[in-house]
């Protein structure tokens, strides 16, 4: 059964600008945001009362009371899980300990995200990322640059012809000089979405590049330009959003790309290992 959050996600592309603003406001503090009066919800989202009424109907409800009734039912169902609440991930810690609360949130994020991933789109994106005839550009932001660097490091081993671009650097326009039609940009952009990243995506798209986007549940503005877009749930009991689900998708793409032409990947890995041996970069215990 679809939750209200699921319905909102499915309808995002069909909403007007004001309705989308309302939808994102609801998701940002879901489900508490929908428990108050209609007027309070409209005020919090900085939209009109009629906007709330229209969006609720687009989600399939006759009116705001029916919308709230289902939201409260969701909360009741969530509270009626004594068996799941009995099990904890860190057995030495109580269920309310941060170790277990955080892990519960991450596991929920992963399940929710994977339930909405289009496997065919993921396979197609992996094929683009692994095509050595296309130059691959990998772009991260202020926080997500760590994910971009991780992906770039592995792709360096798997395939040639790629570049790591940091959108936070003033030099990123230089990289676009070499971008050609059919090249691939893998872009990471989560809230708060970065203006540099959007501008880079717009310019890459104008040059005919294919864009693969890793974003969050509210979706970066780059989404409208992307050939393939993968949204991860990122909310956890922390002041910081979680990168765990996005990292899962990144590592899955690495595994997928390495298997597209394993003979070539293996040959590159063996050559790299031989270089490591010659440089004595790593200690070997034999």
C-alpha atoms as a PDB file:
ATOM      1  CA  UNK A   1       0.000   0.000   0.000  1.00  0.00           C
ATOM      2  CA  UNK A   2       1.335   3.422  -0.953  1.00  0.00           C
ATOM      3  CA  UNK A   3       2.067   5.865   1.842  1.00  0.00           C
ATOM      4  CA  UNK A   4       1.354   9.565   1.518  1.00  0.00           C
ATOM      5  CA  UNK A   5       5.077  10.093   1.044  1.00  0.00           C
ATOM      6  CA  UNK A   6       5.028   7.575  -1.829  1.00  0.00           C
ATOM      7  CA  UNK A   7       2.083   9.346  -3.467  1.00  0.00           C
ATOM      8  CA  UNK A   8       3.877  12.681  -3.268  1.00  0.00           C
ATOM      9  CA  UNK A   9       7.033  11.209  -4.833  1.00  0.00           C
ATOM     10  CA  UNK A  10       5.052   9.722  -7.717  1.00  0.00           C
ATOM     11  CA  UNK A  11       3.220  12.984  -8.406  1.00  0.00           C
ATOM     12  CA  UNK A  12       6.108  15.469  -8.092  1.00  0.00           C
ATOM     13  CA  UNK A  13       6.567  15.932 -11.822  1.00  0.00           C
ATOM     14  CA  UNK A  14       2.843  16.636 -12.307  1.00  0.00           C
ATOM     15  CA  UNK A  15       2.602  19.413  -9.715  1.00  0.00           C
ATOM     16  CA  UNK A  16       2.649  23.150 -10.303  1.00  0.00           C
ATOM     17  CA  UNK A  17       5.493  25.220  -8.885  1.00  0.00           C
ATOM     18  CA  UNK A  18       3.470  26.177  -5.780  1.00  0.00           C
ATOM     19  CA  UNK A  19       2.206  22.614  -5.289  1.00  0.00           C
ATOM     20  CA  UNK A  20       5.738  21.256  -5.601  1.00  0.00           C
ATOM     21  CA  UNK A  21       6.907  23.787  -3.011  1.00  0.00           C
ATOM     22  CA  UNK A  22       4.148  22.521  -0.710  1.00  0.00           C
ATOM     23  CA  UNK A  23       5.023  18.877  -1.402  1.00  0.00           C
ATOM     24  CA  UNK A  24       8.690  19.396  -0.574  1.00  0.00           C
ATOM     25  CA  UNK A  25       7.713  21.242   2.607  1.00  0.00           C
ATOM     26  CA  UNK A  26       5.580  18.265   3.682  1.00  0.00           C
ATOM     27  CA  UNK A  27       8.355  15.779   2.928  1.00  0.00           C
ATOM     28  CA  UNK A  28      10.954  17.813   4.773  1.00  0.00           C
ATOM     29  CA  UNK A  29       9.177  17.319   8.087  1.00  0.00           C
ATOM     30  CA  UNK A  30       7.134  14.235   7.277  1.00  0.00           C
ATOM     31  CA  UNK A  31       4.812  13.177   8.809  1.00  0.00           C
ATOM     32  CA  UNK A  32       4.510  15.908  11.470  1.00  0.00           C
ATOM     33  CA  UNK A  33       3.989  18.621   8.849  1.00  0.00           C
ATOM     34  CA  UNK A  34       0.616  17.201   7.842  1.00  0.00           C
ATOM     35  CA  UNK A  35      -0.854  16.789  11.304  1.00  0.00           C
ATOM     36  CA  UNK A  36      -1.811  20.413  11.946  1.00  0.00           C
ATOM     37  CA  UNK A  37      -4.602  22.575  10.508  1.00  0.00           C
ATOM     38  CA  UNK A  38      -4.742  23.191   6.784  1.00  0.00           C
ATOM     39  CA  UNK A  39      -4.029  26.893   7.279  1.00  0.00           C
ATOM     40  CA  UNK A  40      -0.904  26.126   9.322  1.00  0.00           C
ATOM     41  CA  UNK A  41       0.411  23.797   6.613  1.00  0.00           C
ATOM     42  CA  UNK A  42      -0.164  26.467   3.962  1.00  0.00           C
ATOM     43  CA  UNK A  43       1.606  29.081   6.076  1.00  0.00           C
ATOM     44  CA  UNK A  44       4.602  26.849   6.793  1.00  0.00           C
ATOM     45  CA  UNK A  45       5.022  26.120   3.072  1.00  0.00           C
ATOM     46  CA  UNK A  46       4.379  29.757   2.114  1.00  0.00           C
ATOM     47  CA  UNK A  47       1.557  28.819  -0.262  1.00  0.00           C
ATOM     48  CA  UNK A  48      -2.160  29.595  -0.400  1.00  0.00           C
ATOM     49  CA  UNK A  49      -4.903  27.525   1.219  1.00  0.00           C
ATOM     50  CA  UNK A  50      -6.383  26.654  -2.216  1.00  0.00           C
ATOM     51  CA  UNK A  51      -2.971  25.288  -3.221  1.00  0.00           C
ATOM     52  CA  UNK A  52      -3.124  22.815  -0.332  1.00  0.00           C
ATOM     53  CA  UNK A  53      -6.649  21.777  -1.299  1.00  0.00           C
ATOM     54  CA  UNK A  54      -5.687  21.239  -4.948  1.00  0.00           C
ATOM     55  CA  UNK A  55      -2.588  19.203  -4.183  1.00  0.00           C
ATOM     56  CA  UNK A  56      -4.421  16.971  -1.705  1.00  0.00           C
ATOM     57  CA  UNK A  57      -6.945  16.183  -4.452  1.00  0.00           C
ATOM     58  CA  UNK A  58      -4.153  15.447  -6.926  1.00  0.00           C
ATOM     59  CA  UNK A  59      -2.831  12.890  -4.448  1.00  0.00           C
ATOM     60  CA  UNK A  60      -6.186  11.104  -4.654  1.00  0.00           C
ATOM     61  CA  UNK A  61      -7.997  12.414  -1.561  1.00  0.00           C
ATOM     62  CA  UNK A  62     -11.429  14.031  -1.471  1.00  0.00           C
ATOM     63  CA  UNK A  63     -10.208  16.685   0.925  1.00  0.00           C
ATOM     64  CA  UNK A  64      -7.791  17.603   3.697  1.00  0.00           C
ATOM     65  CA  UNK A  65      -9.695  15.636   6.420  1.00  0.00           C
ATOM     66  CA  UNK A  66      -9.320  12.405   4.420  1.00  0.00           C
ATOM     67  CA  UNK A  67      -5.638  13.208   3.825  1.00  0.00           C
ATOM     68  CA  UNK A  68      -5.072  13.681   7.564  1.00  0.00           C
ATOM     69  CA  UNK A  69      -7.061  10.561   8.457  1.00  0.00           C
ATOM     70  CA  UNK A  70      -4.795   8.396   6.293  1.00  0.00           C
ATOM     71  CA  UNK A  71      -1.710  10.103   7.698  1.00  0.00           C
ATOM     72  CA  UNK A  72      -2.828   9.292  11.246  1.00  0.00           C
ATOM     73  CA  UNK A  73      -3.533   5.702  10.149  1.00  0.00           C
ATOM     74  CA  UNK A  74       0.045   5.479   8.874  1.00  0.00           C
ATOM     75  CA  UNK A  75       1.293   6.598  12.264  1.00  0.00           C
ATOM     76  CA  UNK A  76      -0.883   4.057  14.082  1.00  0.00           C
ATOM     77  CA  UNK A  77       0.318   1.238  11.834  1.00  0.00           C
ATOM     78  CA  UNK A  78       3.901   2.267  12.393  1.00  0.00           C
ATOM     79  CA  UNK A  79       3.405   2.136  16.163  1.00  0.00           C
ATOM     80  CA  UNK A  80       1.878  -1.373  16.032  1.00  0.00           C
ATOM     81  CA  UNK A  81       5.133  -3.220  15.447  1.00  0.00           C
ATOM     82  CA  UNK A  82       6.206  -4.755  18.766  1.00  0.00           C
ATOM     83  CA  UNK A  83       8.254  -7.543  17.171  1.00  0.00           C
ATOM     84  CA  UNK A  84      10.269  -5.202  14.980  1.00  0.00           C
ATOM     85  CA  UNK A  85      10.760  -2.877  17.927  1.00  0.00           C
ATOM     86  CA  UNK A  86      11.993  -5.759  20.055  1.00  0.00           C
ATOM     87  CA  UNK A  87      14.898  -6.531  17.737  1.00  0.00           C
ATOM     88  CA  UNK A  88      17.902  -4.237  17.919  1.00  0.00           C
ATOM     89  CA  UNK A  89      20.958  -4.022  15.721  1.00  0.00           C
ATOM     90  CA  UNK A  90      23.427  -3.465  18.539  1.00  0.00           C
ATOM     91  CA  UNK A  91      22.314  -6.013  21.136  1.00  0.00           C
ATOM     92  CA  UNK A  92      24.447  -4.520  23.892  1.00  0.00           C
ATOM     93  CA  UNK A  93      22.628  -1.201  23.540  1.00  0.00           C
ATOM     94  CA  UNK A  94      18.980  -0.423  24.342  1.00  0.00           C
ATOM     95  CA  UNK A  95      16.592  -0.030  21.395  1.00  0.00           C
ATOM     96  CA  UNK A  96      16.478   3.744  21.862  1.00  0.00           C
ATOM     97  CA  UNK A  97      20.278   4.037  21.720  1.00  0.00           C
ATOM     98  CA  UNK A  98      21.596   6.105  18.818  1.00  0.00           C
ATOM     99  CA  UNK A  99      23.334   3.048  17.344  1.00  0.00           C
ATOM    100  CA  UNK A 100      19.972   1.370  16.859  1.00  0.00           C
ATOM    101  CA  UNK A 101      17.921   4.458  16.043  1.00  0.00           C
ATOM    102  CA  UNK A 102      20.396   5.521  13.368  1.00  0.00           C
ATOM    103  CA  UNK A 103      20.679   2.024  11.898  1.00  0.00           C
ATOM    104  CA  UNK A 104      16.892   1.643  11.803  1.00  0.00           C
ATOM    105  CA  UNK A 105      16.685   4.911   9.867  1.00  0.00           C
ATOM    106  CA  UNK A 106      19.403   3.885   7.396  1.00  0.00           C
ATOM    107  CA  UNK A 107      17.863   0.445   6.789  1.00  0.00           C
ATOM    108  CA  UNK A 108      14.507   2.123   6.212  1.00  0.00           C
ATOM    109  CA  UNK A 109      16.099   4.574   3.797  1.00  0.00           C
ATOM    110  CA  UNK A 110      17.723   1.738   1.844  1.00  0.00           C
ATOM    111  CA  UNK A 111      14.520  -0.279   1.590  1.00  0.00           C
ATOM    112  CA  UNK A 112      12.480   2.747   0.557  1.00  0.00           C
ATOM    113  CA  UNK A 113      15.055   3.806  -2.028  1.00  0.00           C
ATOM    114  CA  UNK A 114      15.550   0.380  -3.604  1.00  0.00           C
ATOM    115  CA  UNK A 115      11.793  -0.079  -3.886  1.00  0.00           C
ATOM    116  CA  UNK A 116      11.744   2.910  -6.248  1.00  0.00           C
ATOM    117  CA  UNK A 117      14.864   2.287  -8.309  1.00  0.00           C
ATOM    118  CA  UNK A 118      14.153   1.399 -11.936  1.00  0.00           C
ATOM    119  CA  UNK A 119      16.486  -1.557 -12.591  1.00  0.00           C
ATOM    120  CA  UNK A 120      16.457  -0.983 -16.347  1.00  0.00           C
ATOM    121  CA  UNK A 121      17.419   2.662 -15.868  1.00  0.00           C
ATOM    122  CA  UNK A 122      20.190   1.658 -13.469  1.00  0.00           C
ATOM    123  CA  UNK A 123      21.565  -0.865 -15.975  1.00  0.00           C
ATOM    124  CA  UNK A 124      21.428   1.714 -18.765  1.00  0.00           C
ATOM    125  CA  UNK A 125      23.224   4.268 -16.580  1.00  0.00           C
ATOM    126  CA  UNK A 126      25.907   1.722 -15.720  1.00  0.00           C
ATOM    127  CA  UNK A 127      26.397   0.987 -19.430  1.00  0.00           C
ATOM    128  CA  UNK A 128      26.876   4.707 -20.101  1.00  0.00           C
ATOM    129  CA  UNK A 129      29.303   5.033 -17.199  1.00  0.00           C
ATOM    130  CA  UNK A 130      31.294   2.041 -18.433  1.00  0.00           C
ATOM    131  CA  UNK A 131      31.497   2.971 -22.128  1.00  0.00           C
ATOM    132  CA  UNK A 132      35.203   3.756 -22.732  1.00  0.00           C
ATOM    133  CA  UNK A 133      34.364   5.569 -25.985  1.00  0.00           C
ATOM    134  CA  UNK A 134      32.537   8.243 -24.008  1.00  0.00           C
ATOM    135  CA  UNK A 135      34.532  10.598 -21.810  1.00  0.00           C
ATOM    136  CA  UNK A 136      33.238  10.291 -18.258  1.00  0.00           C
ATOM    137  CA  UNK A 137      33.115  13.353 -16.008  1.00  0.00           C
ATOM    138  CA  UNK A 138      32.369  12.840 -12.299  1.00  0.00           C
ATOM    139  CA  UNK A 139      31.111  15.865 -10.369  1.00  0.00           C
ATOM    140  CA  UNK A 140      30.615  16.312  -6.627  1.00  0.00           C
ATOM    141  CA  UNK A 141      29.573  19.199  -4.419  1.00  0.00           C
ATOM    142  CA  UNK A 142      30.584  20.632  -1.058  1.00  0.00           C
ATOM    143  CA  UNK A 143      29.617  17.470   0.840  1.00  0.00           C
ATOM    144  CA  UNK A 144      29.165  14.945  -1.962  1.00  0.00           C
ATOM    145  CA  UNK A 145      32.672  15.452  -3.347  1.00  0.00           C
ATOM    146  CA  UNK A 146      33.706  12.518  -1.138  1.00  0.00           C
ATOM    147  CA  UNK A 147      31.270  10.246  -2.994  1.00  0.00           C
ATOM    148  CA  UNK A 148      32.501  11.600  -6.328  1.00  0.00           C
ATOM    149  CA  UNK A 149      36.140  10.967  -5.366  1.00  0.00           C
ATOM    150  CA  UNK A 150      35.311   7.422  -4.264  1.00  0.00           C
ATOM    151  CA  UNK A 151      33.568   6.676  -7.565  1.00  0.00           C
ATOM    152  CA  UNK A 152      36.357   8.315  -9.580  1.00  0.00           C
ATOM    153  CA  UNK A 153      39.072   6.283  -7.832  1.00  0.00           C
ATOM    154  CA  UNK A 154      37.366   3.009  -8.733  1.00  0.00           C
ATOM    155  CA  UNK A 155      36.468   4.078 -12.264  1.00  0.00           C
ATOM    156  CA  UNK A 156      40.123   4.941 -12.855  1.00  0.00           C
ATOM    157  CA  UNK A 157      40.931   1.273 -12.376  1.00  0.00           C
ATOM    158  CA  UNK A 158      38.013  -0.005 -14.448  1.00  0.00           C
ATOM    159  CA  UNK A 159      38.159   2.250 -17.512  1.00  0.00           C
ATOM    160  CA  UNK A 160      40.198   4.977 -19.235  1.00  0.00           C
ATOM    161  CA  UNK A 161      39.029   8.373 -20.490  1.00  0.00           C
ATOM    162  CA  UNK A 162      37.589  10.082 -17.402  1.00  0.00           C
ATOM    163  CA  UNK A 163      37.889  13.306 -15.405  1.00  0.00           C
ATOM    164  CA  UNK A 164      37.071  14.309 -11.837  1.00  0.00           C
ATOM    165  CA  UNK A 165      35.428  17.749 -11.701  1.00  0.00           C
ATOM    166  CA  UNK A 166      34.754  19.634  -8.473  1.00  0.00           C
ATOM    167  CA  UNK A 167      31.838  21.994  -8.988  1.00  0.00           C
ATOM    168  CA  UNK A 168      32.948  24.022  -5.974  1.00  0.00           C
ATOM    169  CA  UNK A 169      36.114  25.030  -7.835  1.00  0.00           C
ATOM    170  CA  UNK A 170      36.210  28.174  -9.973  1.00  0.00           C
ATOM    171  CA  UNK A 171      38.076  26.217 -12.635  1.00  0.00           C
ATOM    172  CA  UNK A 172      35.224  23.852 -13.538  1.00  0.00           C
ATOM    173  CA  UNK A 173      34.264  25.753 -16.745  1.00  0.00           C
ATOM    174  CA  UNK A 174      37.647  24.724 -18.169  1.00  0.00           C
ATOM    175  CA  UNK A 175      36.599  21.088 -18.113  1.00  0.00           C
ATOM    176  CA  UNK A 176      33.595  21.836 -20.307  1.00  0.00           C
ATOM    177  CA  UNK A 177      35.884  22.938 -23.153  1.00  0.00           C
ATOM    178  CA  UNK A 178      36.557  19.279 -23.925  1.00  0.00           C
ATOM    179  CA  UNK A 179      33.018  17.988 -23.367  1.00  0.00           C
ATOM    180  CA  UNK A 180      31.407  16.594 -26.499  1.00  0.00           C
ATOM    181  CA  UNK A 181      28.035  15.246 -27.524  1.00  0.00           C
ATOM    182  CA  UNK A 182      27.552  11.782 -26.037  1.00  0.00           C
ATOM    183  CA  UNK A 183      29.985  12.273 -23.169  1.00  0.00           C
ATOM    184  CA  UNK A 184      28.702  11.331 -19.718  1.00  0.00           C
ATOM    185  CA  UNK A 185      28.494  13.444 -16.570  1.00  0.00           C
ATOM    186  CA  UNK A 186      27.794  11.683 -13.275  1.00  0.00           C
ATOM    187  CA  UNK A 187      26.624  14.425 -10.918  1.00  0.00           C
ATOM    188  CA  UNK A 188      26.000  14.303  -7.168  1.00  0.00           C
ATOM    189  CA  UNK A 189      23.666  16.988  -5.840  1.00  0.00           C
ATOM    190  CA  UNK A 190      21.705  16.838  -2.575  1.00  0.00           C
ATOM    191  CA  UNK A 191      20.028  19.515  -0.508  1.00  0.00           C
ATOM    192  CA  UNK A 192      21.079  22.325  -0.226  1.00  0.00           C
ATOM    193  CA  UNK A 193      21.401  22.178  -4.006  1.00  0.00           C
ATOM    194  CA  UNK A 194      24.375  24.096  -5.357  1.00  0.00           C
ATOM    195  CA  UNK A 195      24.074  26.799  -8.012  1.00  0.00           C
ATOM    196  CA  UNK A 196      27.437  25.867  -9.543  1.00  0.00           C
ATOM    197  CA  UNK A 197      26.322  22.283 -10.003  1.00  0.00           C
ATOM    198  CA  UNK A 198      23.107  23.293 -11.750  1.00  0.00           C
ATOM    199  CA  UNK A 199      24.923  25.706 -14.061  1.00  0.00           C
ATOM    200  CA  UNK A 200      27.512  23.039 -14.902  1.00  0.00           C
ATOM    201  CA  UNK A 201      24.740  20.554 -15.682  1.00  0.00           C
ATOM    202  CA  UNK A 202      22.935  23.072 -17.889  1.00  0.00           C
ATOM    203  CA  UNK A 203      26.092  23.784 -19.881  1.00  0.00           C
ATOM    204  CA  UNK A 204      26.992  20.090 -20.186  1.00  0.00           C
ATOM    205  CA  UNK A 205      23.458  19.296 -21.333  1.00  0.00           C
ATOM    206  CA  UNK A 206      23.612  22.101 -23.912  1.00  0.00           C
ATOM    207  CA  UNK A 207      26.757  20.473 -25.338  1.00  0.00           C
ATOM    208  CA  UNK A 208      24.879  17.189 -25.811  1.00  0.00           C
ATOM    209  CA  UNK A 209      26.245  15.299 -22.824  1.00  0.00           C
ATOM    210  CA  UNK A 210      24.278  12.579 -21.029  1.00  0.00           C
ATOM    211  CA  UNK A 211      23.711  13.235 -17.320  1.00  0.00           C
ATOM    212  CA  UNK A 212      23.427  10.621 -14.577  1.00  0.00           C
ATOM    213  CA  UNK A 213      22.239  12.197 -11.326  1.00  0.00           C
ATOM    214  CA  UNK A 214      22.549  10.919  -7.769  1.00  0.00           C
ATOM    215  CA  UNK A 215      20.296  13.059  -5.588  1.00  0.00           C
ATOM    216  CA  UNK A 216      17.986  12.931  -2.565  1.00  0.00           C
ATOM    217  CA  UNK A 217      14.285  12.271  -2.057  1.00  0.00           C
ATOM    218  CA  UNK A 218      13.355  15.858  -2.922  1.00  0.00           C
ATOM    219  CA  UNK A 219      15.431  15.778  -6.118  1.00  0.00           C
ATOM    220  CA  UNK A 220      17.930  18.336  -7.299  1.00  0.00           C
ATOM    221  CA  UNK A 221      16.919  20.808 -10.040  1.00  0.00           C
ATOM    222  CA  UNK A 222      19.426  18.906 -12.193  1.00  0.00           C
ATOM    223  CA  UNK A 223      16.758  16.159 -12.323  1.00  0.00           C
ATOM    224  CA  UNK A 224      15.016  17.855 -15.243  1.00  0.00           C
ATOM    225  CA  UNK A 225      18.216  17.601 -17.323  1.00  0.00           C
ATOM    226  CA  UNK A 226      19.239  14.065 -16.379  1.00  0.00           C
ATOM    227  CA  UNK A 227      18.973  11.028 -18.642  1.00  0.00           C
ATOM    228  CA  UNK A 228      18.965   8.859 -15.533  1.00  0.00           C
ATOM    229  CA  UNK A 229      18.183  10.101 -12.018  1.00  0.00           C
ATOM    230  CA  UNK A 230      18.462   8.111  -8.775  1.00  0.00           C
ATOM    231  CA  UNK A 231      16.919   9.511  -5.602  1.00  0.00           C
ATOM    232  CA  UNK A 232      18.085   8.259  -2.213  1.00  0.00           C
ATOM    233  CA  UNK A 233      16.399   8.693   1.144  1.00  0.00           C
ATOM    234  CA  UNK A 234      18.857  10.612   3.316  1.00  0.00           C
ATOM    235  CA  UNK A 235      17.036  11.624   6.532  1.00  0.00           C
ATOM    236  CA  UNK A 236      18.385  10.143   9.782  1.00  0.00           C
ATOM    237  CA  UNK A 237      18.269  11.181  13.466  1.00  0.00           C
ATOM    238  CA  UNK A 238      21.155  13.597  13.032  1.00  0.00           C
ATOM    239  CA  UNK A 239      21.832  17.225  12.183  1.00  0.00           C
ATOM    240  CA  UNK A 240      23.484  15.833   9.040  1.00  0.00           C
ATOM    241  CA  UNK A 241      21.886  13.936   6.180  1.00  0.00           C
ATOM    242  CA  UNK A 242      23.081  10.392   5.558  1.00  0.00           C
ATOM    243  CA  UNK A 243      25.158   9.343   2.528  1.00  0.00           C
ATOM    244  CA  UNK A 244      24.773   5.626   3.301  1.00  0.00           C
ATOM    245  CA  UNK A 245      22.060   4.887   0.735  1.00  0.00           C
ATOM    246  CA  UNK A 246      23.755   6.922  -1.977  1.00  0.00           C
ATOM    247  CA  UNK A 247      27.005   5.094  -1.260  1.00  0.00           C
ATOM    248  CA  UNK A 248      25.161   1.798  -1.685  1.00  0.00           C
ATOM    249  CA  UNK A 249      24.024   2.869  -5.147  1.00  0.00           C
ATOM    250  CA  UNK A 250      27.525   4.082  -6.023  1.00  0.00           C
ATOM    251  CA  UNK A 251      29.148   0.810  -4.969  1.00  0.00           C
ATOM    252  CA  UNK A 252      26.496  -1.149  -6.846  1.00  0.00           C
ATOM    253  CA  UNK A 253      27.240   0.869  -9.998  1.00  0.00           C
ATOM    254  CA  UNK A 254      30.974   0.210  -9.574  1.00  0.00           C
ATOM    255  CA  UNK A 255      30.277  -3.536  -9.343  1.00  0.00           C
ATOM    256  CA  UNK A 256      27.985  -3.366 -12.349  1.00  0.00           C
ATOM    257  CA  UNK A 257      30.431  -1.422 -14.527  1.00  0.00           C
ATOM    258  CA  UNK A 258      33.400  -3.642 -13.660  1.00  0.00           C
ATOM    259  CA  UNK A 259      31.468  -6.674 -14.910  1.00  0.00           C
ATOM    260  CA  UNK A 260      30.487  -5.152 -18.256  1.00  0.00           C
ATOM    261  CA  UNK A 261      33.922  -6.026 -19.654  1.00  0.00           C
ATOM    262  CA  UNK A 262      35.602  -8.043 -16.926  1.00  0.00           C
ATOM    263  CA  UNK A 263      38.535  -9.091 -19.103  1.00  0.00           C
ATOM    264  CA  UNK A 264      39.455  -5.449 -19.697  1.00  0.00           C
ATOM    265  CA  UNK A 265      38.887  -4.561 -16.044  1.00  0.00           C
ATOM    266  CA  UNK A 266      41.014  -7.495 -14.894  1.00  0.00           C
ATOM    267  CA  UNK A 267      43.844  -6.531 -17.260  1.00  0.00           C
ATOM    268  CA  UNK A 268      43.849  -2.956 -15.932  1.00  0.00           C
ATOM    269  CA  UNK A 269      43.785  -4.152 -12.323  1.00  0.00           C
ATOM    270  CA  UNK A 270      46.710  -6.494 -12.952  1.00  0.00           C
ATOM    271  CA  UNK A 271      48.686  -3.706 -14.595  1.00  0.00           C
ATOM    272  CA  UNK A 272      47.939  -1.405 -11.661  1.00  0.00           C
ATOM    273  CA  UNK A 273      49.004  -4.052  -9.142  1.00  0.00           C
ATOM    274  CA  UNK A 274      52.272  -4.499 -11.027  1.00  0.00           C
ATOM    275  CA  UNK A 275      52.858  -0.744 -10.744  1.00  0.00           C
ATOM    276  CA  UNK A 276      52.145  -0.905  -7.019  1.00  0.00           C
ATOM    277  CA  UNK A 277      54.699  -3.700  -6.672  1.00  0.00           C
ATOM    278  CA  UNK A 278      57.329  -1.697  -8.513  1.00  0.00           C
ATOM    279  CA  UNK A 279      56.758   1.420  -6.422  1.00  0.00           C
ATOM    280  CA  UNK A 280      56.498  -0.581  -3.199  1.00  0.00           C
ATOM    281  CA  UNK A 281      53.552   1.575  -2.243  1.00  0.00           C
ATOM    282  CA  UNK A 282      52.009  -1.123  -0.071  1.00  0.00           C
ATOM    283  CA  UNK A 283      53.550  -3.547   2.397  1.00  0.00           C
ATOM    284  CA  UNK A 284      52.984  -7.163   1.486  1.00  0.00           C
ATOM    285  CA  UNK A 285      52.899  -9.895   4.091  1.00  0.00           C
ATOM    286  CA  UNK A 286      53.732 -13.247   2.547  1.00  0.00           C
END
